[in-house]
PDB file of N, CA and C in Angstrom:
ATOM      1  N   UNK A   1       7.448 -18.394   0.966  1.00  0.00           N
ATOM      2  CA  UNK A   1       7.486 -17.723  -0.316  1.00  0.00           C
ATOM      3  C   UNK A   1       6.400 -16.646  -0.372  1.00  0.00           C
ATOM      4  N   UNK A   2       6.754 -15.544  -0.930  1.00  0.00           N
ATOM      5  CA  UNK A   2       5.798 -14.444  -1.048  1.00  0.00           C
ATOM      6  C   UNK A   2       4.862 -14.739  -2.211  1.00  0.00           C
ATOM      7  N   UNK A   3       3.572 -14.645  -1.943  1.00  0.00           N
ATOM      8  CA  UNK A   3       2.591 -14.947  -2.978  1.00  0.00           C
ATOM      9  C   UNK A   3       2.364 -13.733  -3.869  1.00  0.00           C
ATOM     10  N   UNK A   4       1.702 -13.981  -4.982  1.00  0.00           N
ATOM     11  CA  UNK A   4       1.407 -12.906  -5.926  1.00  0.00           C
ATOM     12  C   UNK A   4       0.453 -11.881  -5.317  1.00  0.00           C
ATOM     13  N   UNK A   5      -0.422 -12.338  -4.434  1.00  0.00           N
ATOM     14  CA  UNK A   5      -1.381 -11.423  -3.808  1.00  0.00           C
ATOM     15  C   UNK A   5      -0.660 -10.404  -2.926  1.00  0.00           C
ATOM     16  N   UNK A   6       0.319 -10.867  -2.157  1.00  0.00           N
ATOM     17  CA  UNK A   6       1.065  -9.959  -1.285  1.00  0.00           C
ATOM     18  C   UNK A   6       1.855  -8.963  -2.116  1.00  0.00           C
ATOM     19  N   UNK A   7       2.478  -9.432  -3.185  1.00  0.00           N
ATOM     20  CA  UNK A   7       3.237  -8.541  -4.061  1.00  0.00           C
ATOM     21  C   UNK A   7       2.306  -7.518  -4.710  1.00  0.00           C
ATOM     22  N   UNK A   8       1.121  -7.938  -5.096  1.00  0.00           N
ATOM     23  CA  UNK A   8       0.161  -7.030  -5.719  1.00  0.00           C
ATOM     24  C   UNK A   8      -0.293  -5.947  -4.741  1.00  0.00           C
ATOM     25  N   UNK A   9      -0.626  -6.350  -3.522  1.00  0.00           N
ATOM     26  CA  UNK A   9      -1.022  -5.358  -2.513  1.00  0.00           C
ATOM     27  C   UNK A   9       0.111  -4.372  -2.249  1.00  0.00           C
ATOM     28  N   UNK A  10       1.331  -4.888  -2.155  1.00  0.00           N
ATOM     29  CA  UNK A  10       2.475  -4.030  -1.855  1.00  0.00           C
ATOM     30  C   UNK A  10       2.726  -3.034  -2.983  1.00  0.00           C
ATOM     31  N   UNK A  11       2.745  -3.510  -4.231  1.00  0.00           N
ATOM     32  CA  UNK A  11       3.032  -2.599  -5.345  1.00  0.00           C
ATOM     33  C   UNK A  11       1.903  -1.593  -5.560  1.00  0.00           C
ATOM     34  N   UNK A  12       0.650  -2.018  -5.358  1.00  0.00           N
ATOM     35  CA  UNK A  12      -0.457  -1.069  -5.494  1.00  0.00           C
ATOM     36  C   UNK A  12      -0.389  -0.009  -4.395  1.00  0.00           C
ATOM     37  N   UNK A  13       0.011  -0.424  -3.190  1.00  0.00           N
ATOM     38  CA  UNK A  13       0.187   0.542  -2.109  1.00  0.00           C
ATOM     39  C   UNK A  13       1.285   1.544  -2.407  1.00  0.00           C
ATOM     40  N   UNK A  14       2.385   1.054  -2.958  1.00  0.00           N
ATOM     41  CA  UNK A  14       3.485   1.962  -3.339  1.00  0.00           C
ATOM     42  C   UNK A  14       3.010   2.931  -4.416  1.00  0.00           C
ATOM     43  N   UNK A  15       2.272   2.419  -5.403  1.00  0.00           N
ATOM     44  CA  UNK A  15       1.742   3.285  -6.457  1.00  0.00           C
ATOM     45  C   UNK A  15       0.835   4.372  -5.880  1.00  0.00           C
ATOM     46  N   UNK A  16      -0.045   3.988  -4.958  1.00  0.00           N
ATOM     47  CA  UNK A  16      -0.951   4.985  -4.372  1.00  0.00           C
ATOM     48  C   UNK A  16      -0.202   6.001  -3.528  1.00  0.00           C
ATOM     49  N   UNK A  17       0.833   5.565  -2.827  1.00  0.00           N
ATOM     50  CA  UNK A  17       1.624   6.511  -2.030  1.00  0.00           C
ATOM     51  C   UNK A  17       2.340   7.496  -2.941  1.00  0.00           C
ATOM     52  N   UNK A  18       2.908   7.000  -4.038  1.00  0.00           N
ATOM     53  CA  UNK A  18       3.565   7.901  -4.993  1.00  0.00           C
ATOM     54  C   UNK A  18       2.561   8.865  -5.622  1.00  0.00           C
ATOM     55  N   UNK A  19       1.397   8.360  -5.987  1.00  0.00           N
ATOM     56  CA  UNK A  19       0.368   9.227  -6.554  1.00  0.00           C
ATOM     57  C   UNK A  19      -0.090  10.258  -5.526  1.00  0.00           C
ATOM     58  N   UNK A  20      -0.221   9.839  -4.276  1.00  0.00           N
ATOM     59  CA  UNK A  20      -0.605  10.773  -3.220  1.00  0.00           C
ATOM     60  C   UNK A  20       0.444  11.840  -2.978  1.00  0.00           C
ATOM     61  N   UNK A  21       1.717  11.455  -3.060  1.00  0.00           N
ATOM     62  CA  UNK A  21       2.792  12.433  -2.879  1.00  0.00           C
ATOM     63  C   UNK A  21       2.800  13.451  -4.016  1.00  0.00           C
ATOM     64  N   UNK A  22       2.576  12.975  -5.233  1.00  0.00           N
ATOM     65  CA  UNK A  22       2.536  13.890  -6.375  1.00  0.00           C
ATOM     66  C   UNK A  22       1.346  14.840  -6.262  1.00  0.00           C
ATOM     67  N   UNK A  23       0.195  14.292  -5.888  1.00  0.00           N
ATOM     68  CA  UNK A  23      -0.976  15.155  -5.755  1.00  0.00           C
ATOM     69  C   UNK A  23      -0.857  16.090  -4.554  1.00  0.00           C
ATOM     70  N   UNK A  24      -0.083  15.691  -3.548  1.00  0.00           N
ATOM     71  CA  UNK A  24       0.149  16.584  -2.402  1.00  0.00           C
ATOM     72  C   UNK A  24       0.953  17.807  -2.851  1.00  0.00           C
ATOM     73  N   UNK A  25       1.932  17.576  -3.729  1.00  0.00           N
ATOM     74  CA  UNK A  25       2.723  18.688  -4.260  1.00  0.00           C
ATOM     75  C   UNK A  25       1.850  19.606  -5.109  1.00  0.00           C
ATOM     76  N   UNK A  26       0.914  19.011  -5.845  1.00  0.00           N
ATOM     77  CA  UNK A  26       0.017  19.801  -6.679  1.00  0.00           C
ATOM     78  C   UNK A  26      -1.149  20.404  -5.897  1.00  0.00           C
ATOM     79  N   UNK A  27      -1.203  20.104  -4.600  1.00  0.00           N
ATOM     80  CA  UNK A  27      -2.219  20.650  -3.688  1.00  0.00           C
ATOM     81  C   UNK A  27      -3.641  20.262  -4.079  1.00  0.00           C
ATOM     82  N   UNK A  28      -3.817  18.985  -4.433  1.00  0.00           N
ATOM     83  CA  UNK A  28      -5.148  18.471  -4.706  1.00  0.00           C
ATOM     84  C   UNK A  28      -5.806  18.071  -3.400  1.00  0.00           C
ATOM     85  N   UNK A  29      -7.120  18.251  -3.274  1.00  0.00           N
ATOM     86  CA  UNK A  29      -7.783  17.930  -2.007  1.00  0.00           C
ATOM     87  C   UNK A  29      -7.816  16.432  -1.677  1.00  0.00           C
ATOM     88  N   UNK A  30      -7.694  15.566  -2.661  1.00  0.00           N
ATOM     89  CA  UNK A  30      -7.762  14.124  -2.420  1.00  0.00           C
ATOM     90  C   UNK A  30      -6.399  13.512  -2.107  1.00  0.00           C
ATOM     91  N   UNK A  31      -5.371  14.307  -1.942  1.00  0.00           N
ATOM     92  CA  UNK A  31      -4.019  13.796  -1.737  1.00  0.00           C
ATOM     93  C   UNK A  31      -3.922  12.976  -0.447  1.00  0.00           C
ATOM     94  N   UNK A  32      -4.492  13.470   0.625  1.00  0.00           N
ATOM     95  CA  UNK A  32      -4.428  12.737   1.894  1.00  0.00           C
ATOM     96  C   UNK A  32      -5.174  11.412   1.815  1.00  0.00           C
ATOM     97  N   UNK A  33      -6.250  11.378   1.068  1.00  0.00           N
ATOM     98  CA  UNK A  33      -6.999  10.138   0.894  1.00  0.00           C
ATOM     99  C   UNK A  33      -6.165   9.098   0.142  1.00  0.00           C
ATOM    100  N   UNK A  34      -5.479   9.524  -0.916  1.00  0.00           N
ATOM    101  CA  UNK A  34      -4.622   8.603  -1.660  1.00  0.00           C
ATOM    102  C   UNK A  34      -3.483   8.075  -0.784  1.00  0.00           C
ATOM    103  N   UNK A  35      -2.889   8.942   0.003  1.00  0.00           N
ATOM    104  CA  UNK A  35      -1.824   8.511   0.910  1.00  0.00           C
ATOM    105  C   UNK A  35      -2.350   7.516   1.942  1.00  0.00           C
ATOM    106  N   UNK A  36      -3.509   7.784   2.481  1.00  0.00           N
ATOM    107  CA  UNK A  36      -4.078   6.898   3.499  1.00  0.00           C
ATOM    108  C   UNK A  36      -4.438   5.534   2.915  1.00  0.00           C
ATOM    109  N   UNK A  37      -5.013   5.509   1.729  1.00  0.00           N
ATOM    110  CA  UNK A  37      -5.352   4.234   1.105  1.00  0.00           C
ATOM    111  C   UNK A  37      -4.084   3.471   0.742  1.00  0.00           C
ATOM    112  N   UNK A  38      -3.067   4.173   0.294  1.00  0.00           N
ATOM    113  CA  UNK A  38      -1.790   3.526  -0.003  1.00  0.00           C
ATOM    114  C   UNK A  38      -1.173   2.899   1.231  1.00  0.00           C
ATOM    115  N   UNK A  39      -1.212   3.615   2.343  1.00  0.00           N
ATOM    116  CA  UNK A  39      -0.690   3.064   3.596  1.00  0.00           C
ATOM    117  C   UNK A  39      -1.524   1.876   4.066  1.00  0.00           C
ATOM    118  N   UNK A  40      -2.817   1.919   3.821  1.00  0.00           N
ATOM    119  CA  UNK A  40      -3.682   0.796   4.177  1.00  0.00           C
ATOM    120  C   UNK A  40      -3.305  -0.456   3.382  1.00  0.00           C
ATOM    121  N   UNK A  41      -3.058  -0.290   2.089  1.00  0.00           N
ATOM    122  CA  UNK A  41      -2.644  -1.433   1.271  1.00  0.00           C
ATOM    123  C   UNK A  41      -1.293  -1.974   1.723  1.00  0.00           C
ATOM    124  N   UNK A  42      -0.385  -1.096   2.110  1.00  0.00           N
ATOM    125  CA  UNK A  42       0.909  -1.540   2.630  1.00  0.00           C
ATOM    126  C   UNK A  42       0.718  -2.339   3.922  1.00  0.00           C
ATOM    127  N   UNK A  43      -0.152  -1.857   4.781  1.00  0.00           N
ATOM    128  CA  UNK A  43      -0.426  -2.554   6.036  1.00  0.00           C
ATOM    129  C   UNK A  43      -1.035  -3.923   5.785  1.00  0.00           C
ATOM    130  N   UNK A  44      -1.951  -4.018   4.840  1.00  0.00           N
ATOM    131  CA  UNK A  44      -2.556  -5.305   4.499  1.00  0.00           C
ATOM    132  C   UNK A  44      -1.497  -6.268   3.969  1.00  0.00           C
ATOM    133  N   UNK A  45      -0.599  -5.772   3.133  1.00  0.00           N
ATOM    134  CA  UNK A  45       0.462  -6.628   2.595  1.00  0.00           C
ATOM    135  C   UNK A  45       1.362  -7.146   3.710  1.00  0.00           C
ATOM    136  N   UNK A  46       1.718  -6.288   4.646  1.00  0.00           N
ATOM    137  CA  UNK A  46       2.576  -6.708   5.758  1.00  0.00           C
ATOM    138  C   UNK A  46       1.858  -7.717   6.647  1.00  0.00           C
ATOM    139  N   UNK A  47       0.586  -7.472   6.932  1.00  0.00           N
ATOM    140  CA  UNK A  47      -0.168  -8.403   7.768  1.00  0.00           C
ATOM    141  C   UNK A  47      -0.339  -9.763   7.090  1.00  0.00           C
ATOM    142  N   UNK A  48      -0.582  -9.777   5.791  1.00  0.00           N
ATOM    143  CA  UNK A  48      -0.673 -11.045   5.066  1.00  0.00           C
ATOM    144  C   UNK A  48       0.660 -11.782   5.080  1.00  0.00           C
ATOM    145  N   UNK A  49       1.747 -11.052   4.926  1.00  0.00           N
ATOM    146  CA  UNK A  49       3.076 -11.661   4.952  1.00  0.00           C
ATOM    147  C   UNK A  49       3.360 -12.283   6.320  1.00  0.00           C
ATOM    148  N   UNK A  50       3.045 -11.552   7.380  1.00  0.00           N
ATOM    149  CA  UNK A  50       3.255 -12.060   8.735  1.00  0.00           C
ATOM    150  C   UNK A  50       2.361 -13.275   8.988  1.00  0.00           C
ATOM    151  N   UNK A  51       1.111 -13.207   8.535  1.00  0.00           N
ATOM    152  CA  UNK A  51       0.180 -14.323   8.726  1.00  0.00           C
ATOM    153  C   UNK A  51       0.708 -15.577   8.035  1.00  0.00           C
ATOM    154  N   UNK A  52       1.220 -15.431   6.815  1.00  0.00           N
ATOM    155  CA  UNK A  52       1.759 -16.601   6.095  1.00  0.00           C
ATOM    156  C   UNK A  52       2.968 -17.184   6.810  1.00  0.00           C
ATOM    157  N   UNK A  53       3.826 -16.301   7.371  1.00  0.00           N
ATOM    158  CA  UNK A  53       5.012 -16.776   8.076  1.00  0.00           C
ATOM    159  C   UNK A  53       4.643 -17.479   9.376  1.00  0.00           C
ATOM    160  N   UNK A  54       3.618 -16.984  10.076  1.00  0.00           N
ATOM    161  CA  UNK A  54       3.219 -17.601  11.341  1.00  0.00           C
ATOM    162  C   UNK A  54       2.493 -18.928  11.125  1.00  0.00           C
ATOM    163  N   UNK A  55       1.819 -19.078   9.994  1.00  0.00           N
ATOM    164  CA  UNK A  55       1.116 -20.322   9.713  1.00  0.00           C
ATOM    165  C   UNK A  55       2.081 -21.482   9.446  1.00  0.00           C
ATOM    166  N   UNK A  56       3.282 -21.164   8.964  1.00  0.00           N
ATOM    167  CA  UNK A  56       4.250 -22.225   8.657  1.00  0.00           C
ATOM    168  C   UNK A  56       4.882 -22.813   9.865  1.00  0.00           C
TER     169      UNK A  56
END
Protein backbone atom coordinates (compact mmCIF):
# COMPACT_ATOMS: atom_id res chain seq x y z
CA UNK A 1 0.00 0.00 0.00
CA UNK A 2 1.22 3.46 -0.84
CA UNK A 3 1.75 5.52 2.28
CA UNK A 4 0.75 9.13 2.77
CA UNK A 5 4.41 10.16 2.79
CA UNK A 6 5.02 8.76 -0.70
CA UNK A 7 1.87 10.43 -2.02
CA UNK A 8 2.93 13.73 -0.44
CA UNK A 9 6.40 13.61 -1.98
CA UNK A 10 4.93 12.72 -5.37
CA UNK A 11 2.29 15.48 -5.39
CA UNK A 12 4.73 18.11 -4.11
CA UNK A 13 7.16 17.08 -6.86
CA UNK A 14 4.43 17.41 -9.48
CA UNK A 15 3.52 20.84 -8.09
CA UNK A 16 7.14 22.00 -8.26
CA UNK A 17 7.54 20.69 -11.81
CA UNK A 18 4.40 22.54 -12.89
CA UNK A 19 5.57 25.70 -11.14
CA UNK A 20 8.98 25.33 -12.78
CA UNK A 21 7.40 24.91 -16.21
CA UNK A 22 5.29 28.02 -15.73
CA UNK A 23 8.26 30.04 -14.54
CA UNK A 24 10.31 28.70 -17.46
CA UNK A 25 7.73 30.17 -19.84
CA UNK A 26 7.91 33.46 -17.95
CA UNK A 27 11.73 33.32 -18.18
CA UNK A 28 12.40 33.56 -14.46
CA UNK A 29 15.97 32.75 -13.40
CA UNK A 30 14.85 30.26 -10.71
CA UNK A 31 12.89 28.08 -13.15
CA UNK A 32 15.62 25.45 -13.52
CA UNK A 33 15.98 25.24 -9.76
CA UNK A 34 12.25 24.59 -9.32
CA UNK A 35 12.34 21.91 -12.01
CA UNK A 36 15.36 20.24 -10.44
CA UNK A 37 13.85 20.22 -6.95
CA UNK A 38 10.60 18.85 -8.36
CA UNK A 39 12.46 16.03 -10.09
CA UNK A 40 14.34 15.34 -6.86
CA UNK A 41 11.06 14.95 -4.96
CA UNK A 42 9.76 12.63 -7.68
CA UNK A 43 12.93 10.54 -7.40
CA UNK A 44 12.58 10.34 -3.62
CA UNK A 45 8.96 9.21 -3.97
CA UNK A 46 9.93 6.49 -6.45
CA UNK A 47 12.82 5.29 -4.29
CA UNK A 48 10.60 5.14 -1.20
CA UNK A 49 7.98 3.20 -3.16
CA UNK A 50 10.58 0.71 -4.41
CA UNK A 51 12.07 0.38 -0.91
CA UNK A 52 8.64 -0.42 0.57
CA UNK A 53 7.99 -3.02 -2.14
CA UNK A 54 11.37 -4.70 -1.64
CA UNK A 55 10.95 -4.84 2.14
CA UNK A 56 7.77 -6.91 1.78
